[in-house]
Amino acid sequence: MTSIDERIQGGIYGLLVGDALGVPYEFHGAADIPPLDQIEMAPPAGFHRVHGSVPPGTWSDDGAQA
């Protein structure tokens, strides 16, 4: 059984990883998102990133405020 602190910590880790994974795809429509098997921290070659200067794996302001 995990403690409440471990559950909270796990939730925050999940939020940050999910946010970092989503940053390259932010502000794109569903039709523009690559297939699930191509989603990585760094998008596939040729995919236009809105936040091109942000290194892959970096969470956004949403994650920072969590």
N, C-alpha and C. Protein backbone atom coordinates (compact mmCIF):
# COMPACT_ATOMS: atom_id res chain seq x y z
N MET A 1 0.85 -1.18 0.00
CA MET A 1 0.00 0.00 0.00
C MET A 1 0.90 1.24 0.00
N THR A 2 0.55 2.19 -0.80
CA THR A 2 1.34 3.42 -0.87
C THR A 2 0.75 4.47 0.06
N SER A 3 1.62 5.33 0.53
CA SER A 3 1.17 6.41 1.40
C SER A 3 0.55 7.52 0.55
N ILE A 4 -0.16 8.40 1.20
CA ILE A 4 -0.77 9.53 0.49
C ILE A 4 0.31 10.40 -0.14
N ASP A 5 1.45 10.55 0.53
CA ASP A 5 2.55 11.34 -0.03
C ASP A 5 3.07 10.73 -1.33
N GLU A 6 3.19 9.41 -1.35
CA GLU A 6 3.66 8.73 -2.57
C GLU A 6 2.64 8.86 -3.70
N ARG A 7 1.38 8.83 -3.37
CA ARG A 7 0.35 9.00 -4.39
C ARG A 7 0.37 10.41 -4.97
N ILE A 8 0.53 11.39 -4.11
CA ILE A 8 0.62 12.78 -4.57
C ILE A 8 1.85 12.95 -5.45
N GLN A 9 2.98 12.42 -4.99
CA GLN A 9 4.22 12.51 -5.76
C GLN A 9 4.06 11.84 -7.13
N GLY A 10 3.45 10.68 -7.17
CA GLY A 10 3.21 9.98 -8.43
C GLY A 10 2.31 10.78 -9.36
N GLY A 11 1.31 11.42 -8.80
CA GLY A 11 0.41 12.25 -9.60
C GLY A 11 1.13 13.44 -10.21
N ILE A 12 2.00 14.06 -9.42
CA ILE A 12 2.77 15.21 -9.93
C ILE A 12 3.74 14.75 -11.01
N TYR A 13 4.42 13.62 -10.80
CA TYR A 13 5.32 13.09 -11.83
C TYR A 13 4.55 12.81 -13.12
N GLY A 14 3.39 12.18 -13.00
CA GLY A 14 2.58 11.89 -14.18
C GLY A 14 2.15 13.15 -14.91
N LEU A 15 1.76 14.18 -14.15
CA LEU A 15 1.37 15.45 -14.74
C LEU A 15 2.53 16.06 -15.52
N LEU A 16 3.73 16.07 -14.92
CA LEU A 16 4.89 16.68 -15.57
C LEU A 16 5.33 15.91 -16.81
N VAL A 17 5.33 14.59 -16.74
CA VAL A 17 5.72 13.79 -17.91
C VAL A 17 4.70 13.98 -19.03
N GLY A 18 3.42 13.95 -18.70
CA GLY A 18 2.39 14.17 -19.71
C GLY A 18 2.47 15.55 -20.32
N ASP A 19 2.74 16.55 -19.51
CA ASP A 19 2.88 17.92 -20.01
C ASP A 19 4.08 18.02 -20.94
N ALA A 20 5.22 17.46 -20.53
CA ALA A 20 6.43 17.51 -21.37
C ALA A 20 6.21 16.77 -22.68
N LEU A 21 5.49 15.67 -22.65
CA LEU A 21 5.21 14.91 -23.87
C LEU A 21 4.29 15.70 -24.80
N GLY A 22 3.40 16.49 -24.23
CA GLY A 22 2.44 17.25 -25.04
C GLY A 22 2.93 18.58 -25.56
N VAL A 23 4.00 19.15 -24.97
CA VAL A 23 4.47 20.48 -25.38
C VAL A 23 4.73 20.58 -26.88
N PRO A 24 5.41 19.64 -27.52
CA PRO A 24 5.67 19.80 -28.95
C PRO A 24 4.40 19.82 -29.80
N TYR A 25 3.31 19.28 -29.29
CA TYR A 25 2.09 19.14 -30.07
C TYR A 25 1.03 20.17 -29.68
N GLU A 26 1.38 21.08 -28.77
CA GLU A 26 0.44 22.08 -28.28
C GLU A 26 -0.03 22.99 -29.41
N PHE A 27 -1.27 23.35 -29.39
CA PHE A 27 -1.93 24.25 -30.33
C PHE A 27 -2.12 23.66 -31.72
N HIS A 28 -1.97 22.36 -31.88
CA HIS A 28 -2.22 21.69 -33.16
C HIS A 28 -3.57 20.99 -33.09
N GLY A 29 -4.26 20.95 -34.20
CA GLY A 29 -5.52 20.22 -34.28
C GLY A 29 -5.27 18.72 -34.29
N ALA A 30 -6.30 17.97 -33.97
CA ALA A 30 -6.17 16.51 -33.90
C ALA A 30 -5.68 15.91 -35.21
N ALA A 31 -6.08 16.49 -36.34
CA ALA A 31 -5.67 15.96 -37.65
C ALA A 31 -4.18 16.16 -37.91
N ASP A 32 -3.55 17.12 -37.21
CA ASP A 32 -2.13 17.41 -37.41
C ASP A 32 -1.21 16.58 -36.53
N ILE A 33 -1.76 15.94 -35.51
CA ILE A 33 -0.95 15.16 -34.57
C ILE A 33 -0.53 13.85 -35.23
N PRO A 34 0.76 13.47 -35.09
CA PRO A 34 1.20 12.21 -35.69
C PRO A 34 0.51 11.01 -35.04
N PRO A 35 0.57 9.85 -35.70
CA PRO A 35 0.00 8.63 -35.10
C PRO A 35 0.64 8.34 -33.74
N LEU A 36 -0.10 7.70 -32.87
CA LEU A 36 0.34 7.43 -31.50
C LEU A 36 1.71 6.77 -31.44
N ASP A 37 2.00 5.86 -32.37
CA ASP A 37 3.29 5.16 -32.32
C ASP A 37 4.46 6.05 -32.73
N GLN A 38 4.20 7.28 -33.19
CA GLN A 38 5.27 8.22 -33.54
C GLN A 38 5.42 9.34 -32.52
N ILE A 39 4.60 9.34 -31.48
CA ILE A 39 4.67 10.40 -30.47
C ILE A 39 5.83 10.13 -29.53
N GLU A 40 6.73 11.09 -29.47
CA GLU A 40 7.92 11.03 -28.61
C GLU A 40 8.10 12.41 -27.99
N MET A 41 9.10 12.55 -27.11
CA MET A 41 9.42 13.87 -26.55
C MET A 41 9.84 14.82 -27.67
N ALA A 42 10.54 14.29 -28.67
CA ALA A 42 10.90 15.07 -29.86
C ALA A 42 10.01 14.59 -31.00
N PRO A 43 9.24 15.48 -31.62
CA PRO A 43 8.33 15.05 -32.68
C PRO A 43 9.06 14.53 -33.91
N PRO A 44 8.35 13.83 -34.79
CA PRO A 44 8.98 13.30 -35.99
C PRO A 44 9.53 14.41 -36.89
N ALA A 45 10.50 14.06 -37.70
CA ALA A 45 11.11 15.03 -38.63
C ALA A 45 10.02 15.66 -39.50
N GLY A 46 10.13 16.97 -39.68
CA GLY A 46 9.19 17.68 -40.53
C GLY A 46 7.96 18.21 -39.81
N PHE A 47 7.78 17.83 -38.53
CA PHE A 47 6.62 18.31 -37.78
C PHE A 47 6.93 19.71 -37.26
N HIS A 48 6.06 20.67 -37.56
CA HIS A 48 6.28 22.06 -37.12
C HIS A 48 5.91 22.20 -35.64
N ARG A 49 6.91 22.57 -34.85
CA ARG A 49 6.67 22.80 -33.42
C ARG A 49 6.37 24.27 -33.18
N VAL A 50 5.36 24.54 -32.39
CA VAL A 50 5.03 25.92 -32.04
C VAL A 50 6.13 26.50 -31.15
N HIS A 51 6.63 25.69 -30.22
CA HIS A 51 7.67 26.13 -29.29
C HIS A 51 9.01 25.53 -29.74
N GLY A 52 9.51 25.95 -30.88
CA GLY A 52 10.72 25.37 -31.45
C GLY A 52 11.97 25.55 -30.62
N SER A 53 12.01 26.59 -29.79
CA SER A 53 13.21 26.85 -28.99
C SER A 53 13.22 26.11 -27.66
N VAL A 54 12.14 25.43 -27.33
CA VAL A 54 12.06 24.70 -26.07
C VAL A 54 12.64 23.30 -26.27
N PRO A 55 13.65 22.92 -25.47
CA PRO A 55 14.25 21.59 -25.64
C PRO A 55 13.25 20.46 -25.38
N PRO A 56 13.36 19.35 -26.12
CA PRO A 56 12.48 18.21 -25.88
C PRO A 56 12.55 17.75 -24.42
N GLY A 57 11.41 17.37 -23.89
CA GLY A 57 11.35 16.90 -22.51
C GLY A 57 11.13 17.98 -21.48
N THR A 58 10.98 19.23 -21.94
CA THR A 58 10.74 20.34 -21.02
C THR A 58 9.24 20.51 -20.80
N TRP A 59 8.82 20.62 -19.55
CA TRP A 59 7.39 20.85 -19.31
C TRP A 59 7.07 22.32 -19.51
N SER A 60 5.82 22.62 -19.67
CA SER A 60 5.37 23.98 -19.96
C SER A 60 5.08 24.75 -18.68
N ASP A 61 4.55 25.94 -18.86
CA ASP A 61 4.15 26.74 -17.71
C ASP A 61 3.05 26.05 -16.92
N ASP A 62 2.26 25.22 -17.59
CA ASP A 62 1.21 24.48 -16.88
C ASP A 62 1.83 23.56 -15.83
N GLY A 63 2.85 22.82 -16.24
CA GLY A 63 3.55 21.93 -15.31
C GLY A 63 4.29 22.70 -14.24
N ALA A 64 4.88 23.82 -14.62
CA ALA A 64 5.63 24.63 -13.65
C ALA A 64 4.72 25.18 -12.56
N GLN A 65 3.47 25.45 -12.90
CA GLN A 65 2.55 26.00 -11.91
C GLN A 65 1.93 24.93 -11.02
N ALA A 66 2.11 23.68 -11.41
CA ALA A 66 1.55 22.60 -10.61
C ALA A 66 2.38 22.44 -9.36
